[in-house]
Protein backbone atom coordinates (compact mmCIF):
# COMPACT_ATOMS: atom_id res chain seq x y z
CA UNK A 1 0.00 0.00 0.00
CA UNK A 2 1.32 3.44 -0.91
CA UNK A 3 2.22 5.93 1.78
CA UNK A 4 0.22 9.21 1.95
CA UNK A 5 3.23 11.19 0.69
CA UNK A 6 3.61 8.83 -2.28
CA UNK A 7 -0.09 9.18 -3.12
CA UNK A 8 0.21 12.99 -2.94
CA UNK A 9 3.30 13.01 -5.16
CA UNK A 10 1.68 10.62 -7.64
CA UNK A 11 -1.47 12.76 -7.91
CA UNK A 12 0.64 15.91 -8.24
CA UNK A 13 2.80 14.41 -10.99
CA UNK A 14 -0.14 12.97 -12.90
CA UNK A 15 -1.96 16.31 -12.91
CA UNK A 16 1.13 18.03 -14.36
CA UNK A 17 1.47 15.25 -16.96
CA UNK A 18 -2.21 15.60 -17.85
CA UNK A 19 -1.79 19.32 -18.52
CA UNK A 20 1.38 18.69 -20.54
CA UNK A 21 -0.36 15.99 -22.59
CA UNK A 22 -3.28 18.31 -23.36
CA UNK A 23 -0.86 21.08 -24.36
CA UNK A 24 1.04 18.70 -26.65
CA UNK A 25 -2.14 17.28 -28.21
CA UNK A 26 -3.80 20.67 -28.65
CA UNK A 27 -0.83 22.52 -30.09
CA UNK A 28 -2.71 25.81 -30.55
CA UNK A 29 -4.36 25.73 -27.12
CA UNK A 30 -3.67 28.57 -24.72
CA UNK A 31 -1.64 27.27 -21.75
CA UNK A 32 -3.64 29.50 -19.44
CA UNK A 33 -6.88 27.83 -20.57
CA UNK A 34 -5.40 24.40 -19.93
CA UNK A 35 -4.11 25.45 -16.52
CA UNK A 36 -7.46 27.02 -15.60
CA UNK A 37 -9.27 23.83 -16.59
CA UNK A 38 -6.92 21.63 -14.57
CA UNK A 39 -7.29 23.99 -11.60
CA UNK A 40 -11.09 24.03 -11.88
CA UNK A 41 -11.16 20.24 -11.91
CA UNK A 42 -8.78 20.05 -8.95
CA UNK A 43 -10.94 22.48 -6.97
CA UNK A 44 -14.10 20.51 -7.78
CA UNK A 45 -12.47 17.27 -6.65
CA UNK A 46 -11.02 18.88 -3.52
CA UNK A 47 -14.40 20.34 -2.49
CA UNK A 48 -16.08 17.00 -3.20
CA UNK A 49 -13.53 15.20 -1.02
CA UNK A 50 -14.00 17.65 1.88
CA UNK A 51 -17.70 17.15 2.49
CA UNK A 52 -18.32 16.87 6.25
CA UNK A 53 -19.64 13.55 7.48
CA UNK A 54 -22.82 15.02 9.02
CA UNK A 55 -21.92 14.49 12.68
CA UNK A 56 -21.70 18.03 14.12
CA UNK A 57 -19.36 16.74 16.84
CA UNK A 58 -16.93 14.95 14.50
CA UNK A 59 -13.40 16.09 15.36
CA UNK A 60 -12.11 15.28 11.86
CA UNK A 61 -14.70 17.54 10.23
CA UNK A 62 -14.44 20.55 12.55
CA UNK A 63 -12.11 22.43 10.21
CA UNK A 64 -14.34 21.89 7.13
CA UNK A 65 -17.92 21.72 8.44
CA UNK A 66 -19.07 24.93 6.69
CA UNK A 67 -18.49 26.26 3.19
CA UNK A 68 -16.56 29.19 4.67
CA UNK A 69 -14.25 26.87 6.63
CA UNK A 70 -13.66 24.72 3.54
CA UNK A 71 -12.76 27.82 1.53
CA UNK A 72 -10.41 29.02 4.28
CA UNK A 73 -8.65 25.65 4.24
CA UNK A 74 -8.48 25.69 0.44
CA UNK A 75 -6.93 29.18 0.49
CA UNK A 76 -4.42 28.05 3.12
CA UNK A 77 -3.38 25.12 0.93
CA UNK A 78 -3.18 27.33 -2.17
CA UNK A 79 -0.80 29.65 -0.31
CA UNK A 80 1.28 26.73 0.97
CA UNK A 81 1.56 24.91 -2.36
CA UNK A 82 2.19 28.11 -4.29
CA UNK A 83 5.03 29.26 -2.07
CA UNK A 84 6.61 25.80 -2.23
CA UNK A 85 6.47 25.80 -6.05
CA UNK A 86 9.65 26.28 -8.04
CA UNK A 87 7.55 28.55 -10.28
CA UNK A 88 6.39 30.87 -7.47
CA UNK A 89 8.95 33.51 -8.42
CA UNK A 90 9.68 34.29 -12.02
CA UNK A 91 12.71 36.16 -13.36
CA UNK A 92 10.15 38.32 -15.17
CA UNK A 93 8.27 39.39 -12.03
CA UNK A 94 8.17 43.19 -11.93
CA UNK A 95 9.36 43.23 -8.33
CA UNK A 96 12.60 41.38 -9.11
CA UNK A 97 15.68 43.54 -8.61
CA UNK A 98 17.77 44.30 -11.65
CA UNK A 99 21.25 45.72 -11.71
PDB file of N, CA and C in Angstrom:
ATOM      1  N   UNK A   1       0.839  -1.183   0.000  1.00  0.00           N
ATOM      2  CA  UNK A   1       0.000   0.000   0.000  1.00  0.00           C
ATOM      3  C   UNK A   1       0.885   1.248   0.000  1.00  0.00           C
ATOM      4  N   UNK A   2       0.529   2.217  -0.819  1.00  0.00           N
ATOM      5  CA  UNK A   2       1.325   3.436  -0.912  1.00  0.00           C
ATOM      6  C   UNK A   2       1.171   4.289   0.349  1.00  0.00           C
ATOM      7  N   UNK A   3       2.232   4.991   0.667  1.00  0.00           N
ATOM      8  CA  UNK A   3       2.220   5.927   1.784  1.00  0.00           C
ATOM      9  C   UNK A   3       1.497   7.202   1.347  1.00  0.00           C
ATOM     10  N   UNK A   4       0.913   7.965   2.308  1.00  0.00           N
ATOM     11  CA  UNK A   4       0.215   9.210   1.947  1.00  0.00           C
ATOM     12  C   UNK A   4       1.082  10.164   1.125  1.00  0.00           C
ATOM     13  N   UNK A   5       2.354  10.294   1.450  1.00  0.00           N
ATOM     14  CA  UNK A   5       3.232  11.186   0.686  1.00  0.00           C
ATOM     15  C   UNK A   5       3.402  10.703  -0.741  1.00  0.00           C
ATOM     16  N   UNK A   6       3.488   9.382  -0.925  1.00  0.00           N
ATOM     17  CA  UNK A   6       3.609   8.825  -2.275  1.00  0.00           C
ATOM     18  C   UNK A   6       2.342   9.075  -3.083  1.00  0.00           C
ATOM     19  N   UNK A   7       1.184   8.938  -2.431  1.00  0.00           N
ATOM     20  CA  UNK A   7      -0.089   9.177  -3.115  1.00  0.00           C
ATOM     21  C   UNK A   7      -0.184  10.642  -3.530  1.00  0.00           C
ATOM     22  N   UNK A   8       0.190  11.560  -2.621  1.00  0.00           N
ATOM     23  CA  UNK A   8       0.206  12.991  -2.936  1.00  0.00           C
ATOM     24  C   UNK A   8       1.113  13.262  -4.124  1.00  0.00           C
ATOM     25  N   UNK A   9       2.332  12.770  -4.074  1.00  0.00           N
ATOM     26  CA  UNK A   9       3.298  13.007  -5.157  1.00  0.00           C
ATOM     27  C   UNK A   9       2.823  12.419  -6.481  1.00  0.00           C
ATOM     28  N   UNK A  10       2.200  11.253  -6.433  1.00  0.00           N
ATOM     29  CA  UNK A  10       1.676  10.617  -7.637  1.00  0.00           C
ATOM     30  C   UNK A  10       0.553  11.460  -8.244  1.00  0.00           C
ATOM     31  N   UNK A  11      -0.378  11.924  -7.417  1.00  0.00           N
ATOM     32  CA  UNK A  11      -1.475  12.763  -7.910  1.00  0.00           C
ATOM     33  C   UNK A  11      -0.934  14.073  -8.473  1.00  0.00           C
ATOM     34  N   UNK A  12       0.012  14.669  -7.788  1.00  0.00           N
ATOM     35  CA  UNK A  12       0.640  15.913  -8.242  1.00  0.00           C
ATOM     36  C   UNK A  12       1.285  15.709  -9.606  1.00  0.00           C
ATOM     37  N   UNK A  13       2.094  14.671  -9.739  1.00  0.00           N
ATOM     38  CA  UNK A  13       2.805  14.409 -10.989  1.00  0.00           C
ATOM     39  C   UNK A  13       1.841  14.103 -12.127  1.00  0.00           C
ATOM     40  N   UNK A  14       0.814  13.315 -11.847  1.00  0.00           N
ATOM     41  CA  UNK A  14      -0.141  12.972 -12.905  1.00  0.00           C
ATOM     42  C   UNK A  14      -0.933  14.179 -13.377  1.00  0.00           C
ATOM     43  N   UNK A  15      -1.228  15.121 -12.480  1.00  0.00           N
ATOM     44  CA  UNK A  15      -1.962  16.313 -12.914  1.00  0.00           C
ATOM     45  C   UNK A  15      -1.086  17.183 -13.812  1.00  0.00           C
ATOM     46  N   UNK A  16       0.208  17.280 -13.506  1.00  0.00           N
ATOM     47  CA  UNK A  16       1.133  18.030 -14.364  1.00  0.00           C
ATOM     48  C   UNK A  16       1.253  17.328 -15.718  1.00  0.00           C
ATOM     49  N   UNK A  17       1.377  16.006 -15.709  1.00  0.00           N
ATOM     50  CA  UNK A  17       1.470  15.251 -16.956  1.00  0.00           C
ATOM     51  C   UNK A  17       0.199  15.397 -17.791  1.00  0.00           C
ATOM     52  N   UNK A  18      -0.957  15.408 -17.137  1.00  0.00           N
ATOM     53  CA  UNK A  18      -2.214  15.600 -17.855  1.00  0.00           C
ATOM     54  C   UNK A  18      -2.208  16.938 -18.584  1.00  0.00           C
ATOM     55  N   UNK A  19      -1.830  17.995 -17.892  1.00  0.00           N
ATOM     56  CA  UNK A  19      -1.787  19.321 -18.519  1.00  0.00           C
ATOM     57  C   UNK A  19      -0.789  19.343 -19.672  1.00  0.00           C
ATOM     58  N   UNK A  20       0.378  18.740 -19.467  1.00  0.00           N
ATOM     59  CA  UNK A  20       1.377  18.691 -20.538  1.00  0.00           C
ATOM     60  C   UNK A  20       0.868  17.897 -21.738  1.00  0.00           C
ATOM     61  N   UNK A  21       0.189  16.799 -21.495  1.00  0.00           N
ATOM     62  CA  UNK A  21      -0.363  15.994 -22.587  1.00  0.00           C
ATOM     63  C   UNK A  21      -1.414  16.770 -23.376  1.00  0.00           C
ATOM     64  N   UNK A  22      -2.273  17.490 -22.679  1.00  0.00           N
ATOM     65  CA  UNK A  22      -3.280  18.305 -23.362  1.00  0.00           C
ATOM     66  C   UNK A  22      -2.591  19.375 -24.196  1.00  0.00           C
ATOM     67  N   UNK A  23      -1.581  20.032 -23.631  1.00  0.00           N
ATOM     68  CA  UNK A  23      -0.856  21.077 -24.363  1.00  0.00           C
ATOM     69  C   UNK A  23      -0.184  20.508 -25.604  1.00  0.00           C
ATOM     70  N   UNK A  24       0.390  19.316 -25.492  1.00  0.00           N
ATOM     71  CA  UNK A  24       1.043  18.696 -26.647  1.00  0.00           C
ATOM     72  C   UNK A  24       0.037  18.268 -27.712  1.00  0.00           C
ATOM     73  N   UNK A  25      -1.113  17.748 -27.284  1.00  0.00           N
ATOM     74  CA  UNK A  25      -2.140  17.275 -28.212  1.00  0.00           C
ATOM     75  C   UNK A  25      -2.841  18.442 -28.900  1.00  0.00           C
ATOM     76  N   UNK A  26      -3.097  19.488 -28.144  1.00  0.00           N
ATOM     77  CA  UNK A  26      -3.801  20.668 -28.655  1.00  0.00           C
ATOM     78  C   UNK A  26      -2.781  21.779 -28.863  1.00  0.00           C
ATOM     79  N   UNK A  27      -1.960  21.633 -29.869  1.00  0.00           N
ATOM     80  CA  UNK A  27      -0.829  22.525 -30.093  1.00  0.00           C
ATOM     81  C   UNK A  27      -1.144  24.007 -30.086  1.00  0.00           C
ATOM     82  N   UNK A  28      -2.344  24.387 -30.501  1.00  0.00           N
ATOM     83  CA  UNK A  28      -2.715  25.807 -30.547  1.00  0.00           C
ATOM     84  C   UNK A  28      -3.427  26.267 -29.285  1.00  0.00           C
ATOM     85  N   UNK A  29      -3.619  25.374 -28.338  1.00  0.00           N
ATOM     86  CA  UNK A  29      -4.356  25.726 -27.123  1.00  0.00           C
ATOM     87  C   UNK A  29      -3.558  26.709 -26.273  1.00  0.00           C
ATOM     88  N   UNK A  30      -4.277  27.598 -25.626  1.00  0.00           N
ATOM     89  CA  UNK A  30      -3.674  28.566 -24.716  1.00  0.00           C
ATOM     90  C   UNK A  30      -3.321  27.844 -23.412  1.00  0.00           C
ATOM     91  N   UNK A  31      -2.078  27.934 -22.984  1.00  0.00           N
ATOM     92  CA  UNK A  31      -1.640  27.267 -21.754  1.00  0.00           C
ATOM     93  C   UNK A  31      -2.439  27.736 -20.548  1.00  0.00           C
ATOM     94  N   UNK A  32      -2.834  28.992 -20.549  1.00  0.00           N
ATOM     95  CA  UNK A  32      -3.639  29.496 -19.439  1.00  0.00           C
ATOM     96  C   UNK A  32      -4.993  28.793 -19.385  1.00  0.00           C
ATOM     97  N   UNK A  33      -5.600  28.539 -20.548  1.00  0.00           N
ATOM     98  CA  UNK A  33      -6.882  27.827 -20.575  1.00  0.00           C
ATOM     99  C   UNK A  33      -6.728  26.408 -20.041  1.00  0.00           C
ATOM    100  N   UNK A  34      -5.651  25.756 -20.429  1.00  0.00           N
ATOM    101  CA  UNK A  34      -5.397  24.396 -19.931  1.00  0.00           C
ATOM    102  C   UNK A  34      -5.202  24.429 -18.423  1.00  0.00           C
ATOM    103  N   UNK A  35      -4.376  25.349 -17.956  1.00  0.00           N
ATOM    104  CA  UNK A  35      -4.107  25.451 -16.515  1.00  0.00           C
ATOM    105  C   UNK A  35      -5.380  25.772 -15.737  1.00  0.00           C
ATOM    106  N   UNK A  36      -6.204  26.684 -16.277  1.00  0.00           N
ATOM    107  CA  UNK A  36      -7.457  27.022 -15.602  1.00  0.00           C
ATOM    108  C   UNK A  36      -8.388  25.817 -15.533  1.00  0.00           C
ATOM    109  N   UNK A  37      -8.426  25.026 -16.597  1.00  0.00           N
ATOM    110  CA  UNK A  37      -9.265  23.830 -16.592  1.00  0.00           C
ATOM    111  C   UNK A  37      -8.791  22.793 -15.595  1.00  0.00           C
ATOM    112  N   UNK A  38      -7.480  22.584 -15.537  1.00  0.00           N
ATOM    113  CA  UNK A  38      -6.923  21.631 -14.567  1.00  0.00           C
ATOM    114  C   UNK A  38      -7.202  22.123 -13.146  1.00  0.00           C
ATOM    115  N   UNK A  39      -7.026  23.423 -12.923  1.00  0.00           N
ATOM    116  CA  UNK A  39      -7.289  23.986 -11.601  1.00  0.00           C
ATOM    117  C   UNK A  39      -8.759  23.853 -11.223  1.00  0.00           C
ATOM    118  N   UNK A  40      -9.656  24.154 -12.162  1.00  0.00           N
ATOM    119  CA  UNK A  40     -11.090  24.035 -11.884  1.00  0.00           C
ATOM    120  C   UNK A  40     -11.459  22.601 -11.513  1.00  0.00           C
ATOM    121  N   UNK A  41     -10.900  21.643 -12.236  1.00  0.00           N
ATOM    122  CA  UNK A  41     -11.160  20.242 -11.909  1.00  0.00           C
ATOM    123  C   UNK A  41     -10.599  19.858 -10.556  1.00  0.00           C
ATOM    124  N   UNK A  42      -9.399  20.348 -10.251  1.00  0.00           N
ATOM    125  CA  UNK A  42      -8.784  20.046  -8.951  1.00  0.00           C
ATOM    126  C   UNK A  42      -9.611  20.639  -7.816  1.00  0.00           C
ATOM    127  N   UNK A  43     -10.110  21.856  -8.009  1.00  0.00           N
ATOM    128  CA  UNK A  43     -10.940  22.480  -6.972  1.00  0.00           C
ATOM    129  C   UNK A  43     -12.226  21.697  -6.780  1.00  0.00           C
ATOM    130  N   UNK A  44     -12.864  21.306  -7.881  1.00  0.00           N
ATOM    131  CA  UNK A  44     -14.095  20.512  -7.782  1.00  0.00           C
ATOM    132  C   UNK A  44     -13.845  19.228  -6.991  1.00  0.00           C
ATOM    133  N   UNK A  45     -12.763  18.530  -7.330  1.00  0.00           N
ATOM    134  CA  UNK A  45     -12.468  17.274  -6.649  1.00  0.00           C
ATOM    135  C   UNK A  45     -12.154  17.514  -5.177  1.00  0.00           C
ATOM    136  N   UNK A  46     -11.386  18.572  -4.903  1.00  0.00           N
ATOM    137  CA  UNK A  46     -11.015  18.885  -3.522  1.00  0.00           C
ATOM    138  C   UNK A  46     -12.258  19.183  -2.698  1.00  0.00           C
ATOM    139  N   UNK A  47     -13.173  20.017  -3.230  1.00  0.00           N
ATOM    140  CA  UNK A  47     -14.399  20.342  -2.492  1.00  0.00           C
ATOM    141  C   UNK A  47     -15.264  19.101  -2.298  1.00  0.00           C
ATOM    142  N   UNK A  48     -15.331  18.257  -3.318  1.00  0.00           N
ATOM    143  CA  UNK A  48     -16.075  17.000  -3.197  1.00  0.00           C
ATOM    144  C   UNK A  48     -15.498  16.136  -2.081  1.00  0.00           C
ATOM    145  N   UNK A  49     -14.175  16.077  -2.009  1.00  0.00           N
ATOM    146  CA  UNK A  49     -13.528  15.204  -1.017  1.00  0.00           C
ATOM    147  C   UNK A  49     -13.614  15.750   0.403  1.00  0.00           C
ATOM    148  N   UNK A  50     -13.973  17.023   0.562  1.00  0.00           N
ATOM    149  CA  UNK A  50     -14.000  17.651   1.883  1.00  0.00           C
ATOM    150  C   UNK A  50     -15.411  17.859   2.409  1.00  0.00           C
ATOM    151  N   UNK A  51     -16.349  17.041   1.965  1.00  0.00           N
ATOM    152  CA  UNK A  51     -17.703  17.147   2.492  1.00  0.00           C
ATOM    153  C   UNK A  51     -17.725  16.600   3.921  1.00  0.00           C
ATOM    154  N   UNK A  52     -18.278  17.362   4.868  1.00  0.00           N
ATOM    155  CA  UNK A  52     -18.325  16.873   6.245  1.00  0.00           C
ATOM    156  C   UNK A  52     -19.228  15.645   6.351  1.00  0.00           C
ATOM    157  N   UNK A  53     -18.957  14.839   7.346  1.00  0.00           N
ATOM    158  CA  UNK A  53     -19.644  13.553   7.484  1.00  0.00           C
ATOM    159  C   UNK A  53     -21.089  13.693   7.964  1.00  0.00           C
ATOM    160  N   UNK A  54     -21.452  14.833   8.540  1.00  0.00           N
ATOM    161  CA  UNK A  54     -22.822  15.016   9.015  1.00  0.00           C
ATOM    162  C   UNK A  54     -22.944  14.976  10.527  1.00  0.00           C
ATOM    163  N   UNK A  55     -21.921  14.490  11.212  1.00  0.00           N
ATOM    164  CA  UNK A  55     -21.920  14.493  12.679  1.00  0.00           C
ATOM    165  C   UNK A  55     -21.360  15.831  13.144  1.00  0.00           C
ATOM    166  N   UNK A  56     -22.183  16.704  13.732  1.00  0.00           N
ATOM    167  CA  UNK A  56     -21.700  18.032  14.124  1.00  0.00           C
ATOM    168  C   UNK A  56     -20.590  18.002  15.177  1.00  0.00           C
ATOM    169  N   UNK A  57     -20.413  16.853  15.824  1.00  0.00           N
ATOM    170  CA  UNK A  57     -19.356  16.737  16.840  1.00  0.00           C
ATOM    171  C   UNK A  57     -18.118  15.991  16.345  1.00  0.00           C
ATOM    172  N   UNK A  58     -18.060  15.692  15.062  1.00  0.00           N
ATOM    173  CA  UNK A  58     -16.931  14.949  14.502  1.00  0.00           C
ATOM    174  C   UNK A  58     -15.676  15.816  14.542  1.00  0.00           C
ATOM    175  N   UNK A  59     -14.656  15.335  15.250  1.00  0.00           N
ATOM    176  CA  UNK A  59     -13.400  16.085  15.360  1.00  0.00           C
ATOM    177  C   UNK A  59     -12.708  16.244  14.005  1.00  0.00           C
ATOM    178  N   UNK A  60     -12.769  15.218  13.171  1.00  0.00           N
ATOM    179  CA  UNK A  60     -12.106  15.282  11.864  1.00  0.00           C
ATOM    180  C   UNK A  60     -12.727  16.330  10.948  1.00  0.00           C
ATOM    181  N   UNK A  61     -13.992  16.620  11.128  1.00  0.00           N
ATOM    182  CA  UNK A  61     -14.704  17.539  10.231  1.00  0.00           C
ATOM    183  C   UNK A  61     -14.794  18.966  10.772  1.00  0.00           C
ATOM    184  N   UNK A  62     -14.305  19.225  11.964  1.00  0.00           N
ATOM    185  CA  UNK A  62     -14.444  20.550  12.548  1.00  0.00           C
ATOM    186  C   UNK A  62     -13.869  21.656  11.669  1.00  0.00           C
ATOM    187  N   UNK A  63     -12.764  21.387  10.997  1.00  0.00           N
ATOM    188  CA  UNK A  63     -12.112  22.434  10.206  1.00  0.00           C
ATOM    189  C   UNK A  63     -12.754  22.632   8.828  1.00  0.00           C
ATOM    190  N   UNK A  64     -13.739  21.794   8.474  1.00  0.00           N
ATOM    191  CA  UNK A  64     -14.339  21.890   7.132  1.00  0.00           C
ATOM    192  C   UNK A  64     -15.860  21.770   7.176  1.00  0.00           C
ATOM    193  N   UNK A  65     -16.488  22.005   8.329  1.00  0.00           N
ATOM    194  CA  UNK A  65     -17.919  21.725   8.437  1.00  0.00           C
ATOM    195  C   UNK A  65     -18.830  22.865   7.972  1.00  0.00           C
ATOM    196  N   UNK A  66     -18.275  23.911   7.376  1.00  0.00           N
ATOM    197  CA  UNK A  66     -19.068  24.930   6.687  1.00  0.00           C
ATOM    198  C   UNK A  66     -18.349  25.273   5.382  1.00  0.00           C
ATOM    199  N   UNK A  67     -19.102  25.857   4.463  1.00  0.00           N
ATOM    200  CA  UNK A  67     -18.490  26.260   3.192  1.00  0.00           C
ATOM    201  C   UNK A  67     -17.377  27.271   3.433  1.00  0.00           C
ATOM    202  N   UNK A  68     -17.573  28.172   4.374  1.00  0.00           N
ATOM    203  CA  UNK A  68     -16.564  29.187   4.669  1.00  0.00           C
ATOM    204  C   UNK A  68     -15.290  28.556   5.217  1.00  0.00           C
ATOM    205  N   UNK A  69     -15.431  27.562   6.095  1.00  0.00           N
ATOM    206  CA  UNK A  69     -14.250  26.875   6.633  1.00  0.00           C
ATOM    207  C   UNK A  69     -13.528  26.081   5.549  1.00  0.00           C
ATOM    208  N   UNK A  70     -14.299  25.447   4.640  1.00  0.00           N
ATOM    209  CA  UNK A  70     -13.661  24.720   3.539  1.00  0.00           C
ATOM    210  C   UNK A  70     -12.881  25.679   2.652  1.00  0.00           C
ATOM    211  N   UNK A  71     -13.459  26.832   2.363  1.00  0.00           N
ATOM    212  CA  UNK A  71     -12.762  27.817   1.526  1.00  0.00           C
ATOM    213  C   UNK A  71     -11.524  28.355   2.235  1.00  0.00           C
ATOM    214  N   UNK A  72     -11.579  28.555   3.537  1.00  0.00           N
ATOM    215  CA  UNK A  72     -10.406  29.017   4.281  1.00  0.00           C
ATOM    216  C   UNK A  72      -9.289  27.979   4.208  1.00  0.00           C
ATOM    217  N   UNK A  73      -9.646  26.714   4.332  1.00  0.00           N
ATOM    218  CA  UNK A  73      -8.647  25.647   4.241  1.00  0.00           C
ATOM    219  C   UNK A  73      -8.087  25.562   2.823  1.00  0.00           C
ATOM    220  N   UNK A  74      -8.939  25.709   1.826  1.00  0.00           N
ATOM    221  CA  UNK A  74      -8.479  25.693   0.439  1.00  0.00           C
ATOM    222  C   UNK A  74      -7.514  26.845   0.182  1.00  0.00           C
ATOM    223  N   UNK A  75      -7.831  28.030   0.660  1.00  0.00           N
ATOM    224  CA  UNK A  75      -6.932  29.181   0.488  1.00  0.00           C
ATOM    225  C   UNK A  75      -5.594  28.946   1.194  1.00  0.00           C
ATOM    226  N   UNK A  76      -5.648  28.349   2.379  1.00  0.00           N
ATOM    227  CA  UNK A  76      -4.415  28.052   3.117  1.00  0.00           C
ATOM    228  C   UNK A  76      -3.535  27.108   2.304  1.00  0.00           C
ATOM    229  N   UNK A  77      -4.137  26.074   1.740  1.00  0.00           N
ATOM    230  CA  UNK A  77      -3.377  25.124   0.935  1.00  0.00           C
ATOM    231  C   UNK A  77      -2.852  25.764  -0.348  1.00  0.00           C
ATOM    232  N   UNK A  78      -3.652  26.628  -0.964  1.00  0.00           N
ATOM    233  CA  UNK A  78      -3.184  27.330  -2.166  1.00  0.00           C
ATOM    234  C   UNK A  78      -1.936  28.139  -1.834  1.00  0.00           C
ATOM    235  N   UNK A  79      -1.979  28.870  -0.727  1.00  0.00           N
ATOM    236  CA  UNK A  79      -0.803  29.650  -0.311  1.00  0.00           C
ATOM    237  C   UNK A  79       0.399  28.741  -0.079  1.00  0.00           C
ATOM    238  N   UNK A  80       0.180  27.647   0.645  1.00  0.00           N
ATOM    239  CA  UNK A  80       1.282  26.728   0.967  1.00  0.00           C
ATOM    240  C   UNK A  80       1.885  26.115  -0.287  1.00  0.00           C
ATOM    241  N   UNK A  81       1.046  25.575  -1.152  1.00  0.00           N
ATOM    242  CA  UNK A  81       1.555  24.910  -2.355  1.00  0.00           C
ATOM    243  C   UNK A  81       2.178  25.902  -3.326  1.00  0.00           C
ATOM    244  N   UNK A  82       1.627  27.098  -3.392  1.00  0.00           N
ATOM    245  CA  UNK A  82       2.190  28.113  -4.291  1.00  0.00           C
ATOM    246  C   UNK A  82       3.584  28.522  -3.850  1.00  0.00           C
ATOM    247  N   UNK A  83       3.732  28.814  -2.582  1.00  0.00           N
ATOM    248  CA  UNK A  83       5.030  29.257  -2.072  1.00  0.00           C
ATOM    249  C   UNK A  83       6.084  28.167  -2.206  1.00  0.00           C
ATOM    250  N   UNK A  84       5.672  26.912  -2.089  1.00  0.00           N
ATOM    251  CA  UNK A  84       6.609  25.798  -2.230  1.00  0.00           C
ATOM    252  C   UNK A  84       6.981  25.516  -3.686  1.00  0.00           C
ATOM    253  N   UNK A  85       6.242  26.086  -4.633  1.00  0.00           N
ATOM    254  CA  UNK A  85       6.469  25.799  -6.048  1.00  0.00           C
ATOM    255  C   UNK A  85       7.757  26.440  -6.556  1.00  0.00           C
ATOM    256  N   UNK A  86       8.447  25.718  -7.418  1.00  0.00           N
ATOM    257  CA  UNK A  86       9.646  26.278  -8.044  1.00  0.00           C
ATOM    258  C   UNK A  86       9.286  27.397  -9.015  1.00  0.00           C
ATOM    259  N   UNK A  87       8.011  27.524  -9.351  1.00  0.00           N
ATOM    260  CA  UNK A  87       7.555  28.553 -10.279  1.00  0.00           C
ATOM    261  C   UNK A  87       6.944  29.758  -9.561  1.00  0.00           C
ATOM    262  N   UNK A  88       6.992  29.775  -8.234  1.00  0.00           N
ATOM    263  CA  UNK A  88       6.386  30.872  -7.473  1.00  0.00           C
ATOM    264  C   UNK A  88       6.972  32.216  -7.898  1.00  0.00           C
ATOM    265  N   UNK A  89       8.280  32.301  -7.939  1.00  0.00           N
ATOM    266  CA  UNK A  89       8.949  33.507  -8.417  1.00  0.00           C
ATOM    267  C   UNK A  89       9.388  33.293  -9.853  1.00  0.00           C
ATOM    268  N   UNK A  90       9.257  34.326 -10.635  1.00  0.00           N
ATOM    269  CA  UNK A  90       9.685  34.293 -12.022  1.00  0.00           C
ATOM    270  C   UNK A  90      10.732  35.372 -12.232  1.00  0.00           C
ATOM    271  N   UNK A  91      11.732  35.109 -13.064  1.00  0.00           N
ATOM    272  CA  UNK A  91      12.710  36.164 -13.360  1.00  0.00           C
ATOM    273  C   UNK A  91      12.069  37.379 -14.018  1.00  0.00           C
ATOM    274  N   UNK A  92      10.845  37.216 -14.528  1.00  0.00           N
ATOM    275  CA  UNK A  92      10.149  38.319 -15.174  1.00  0.00           C
ATOM    276  C   UNK A  92       9.178  39.046 -14.248  1.00  0.00           C
ATOM    277  N   UNK A  93       9.110  38.667 -12.981  1.00  0.00           N
ATOM    278  CA  UNK A  93       8.268  39.391 -12.032  1.00  0.00           C
ATOM    279  C   UNK A  93       8.732  40.850 -11.979  1.00  0.00           C
ATOM    280  N   UNK A  94       7.793  41.772 -11.912  1.00  0.00           N
ATOM    281  CA  UNK A  94       8.172  43.190 -11.932  1.00  0.00           C
ATOM    282  C   UNK A  94       8.847  43.634 -10.637  1.00  0.00           C
ATOM    283  N   UNK A  95       8.718  42.842  -9.580  1.00  0.00           N
ATOM    284  CA  UNK A  95       9.357  43.230  -8.326  1.00  0.00           C
ATOM    285  C   UNK A  95      10.715  42.555  -8.111  1.00  0.00           C
ATOM    286  N   UNK A  96      11.280  41.984  -9.188  1.00  0.00           N
ATOM    287  CA  UNK A  96      12.597  41.379  -9.110  1.00  0.00           C
ATOM    288  C   UNK A  96      13.636  42.467  -9.345  1.00  0.00           C
ATOM    289  N   UNK A  97      14.637  42.533  -8.468  1.00  0.00           N
ATOM    290  CA  UNK A  97      15.683  43.545  -8.614  1.00  0.00           C
ATOM    291  C   UNK A  97      16.523  43.299  -9.854  1.00  0.00           C
ATOM    292  N   UNK A  98      16.913  44.389 -10.469  1.00  0.00           N
ATOM    293  CA  UNK A  98      17.765  44.303 -11.648  1.00  0.00           C
ATOM    294  C   UNK A  98      18.912  45.276 -11.479  1.00  0.00           C
ATOM    295  N   UNK A  99      20.084  44.850 -11.862  1.00  0.00           N
ATOM    296  CA  UNK A  99      21.252  45.723 -11.713  1.00  0.00           C
ATOM    297  C   UNK A  99      21.629  46.367 -13.026  1.00  0.00           C
TER     298      UNK A  99
END
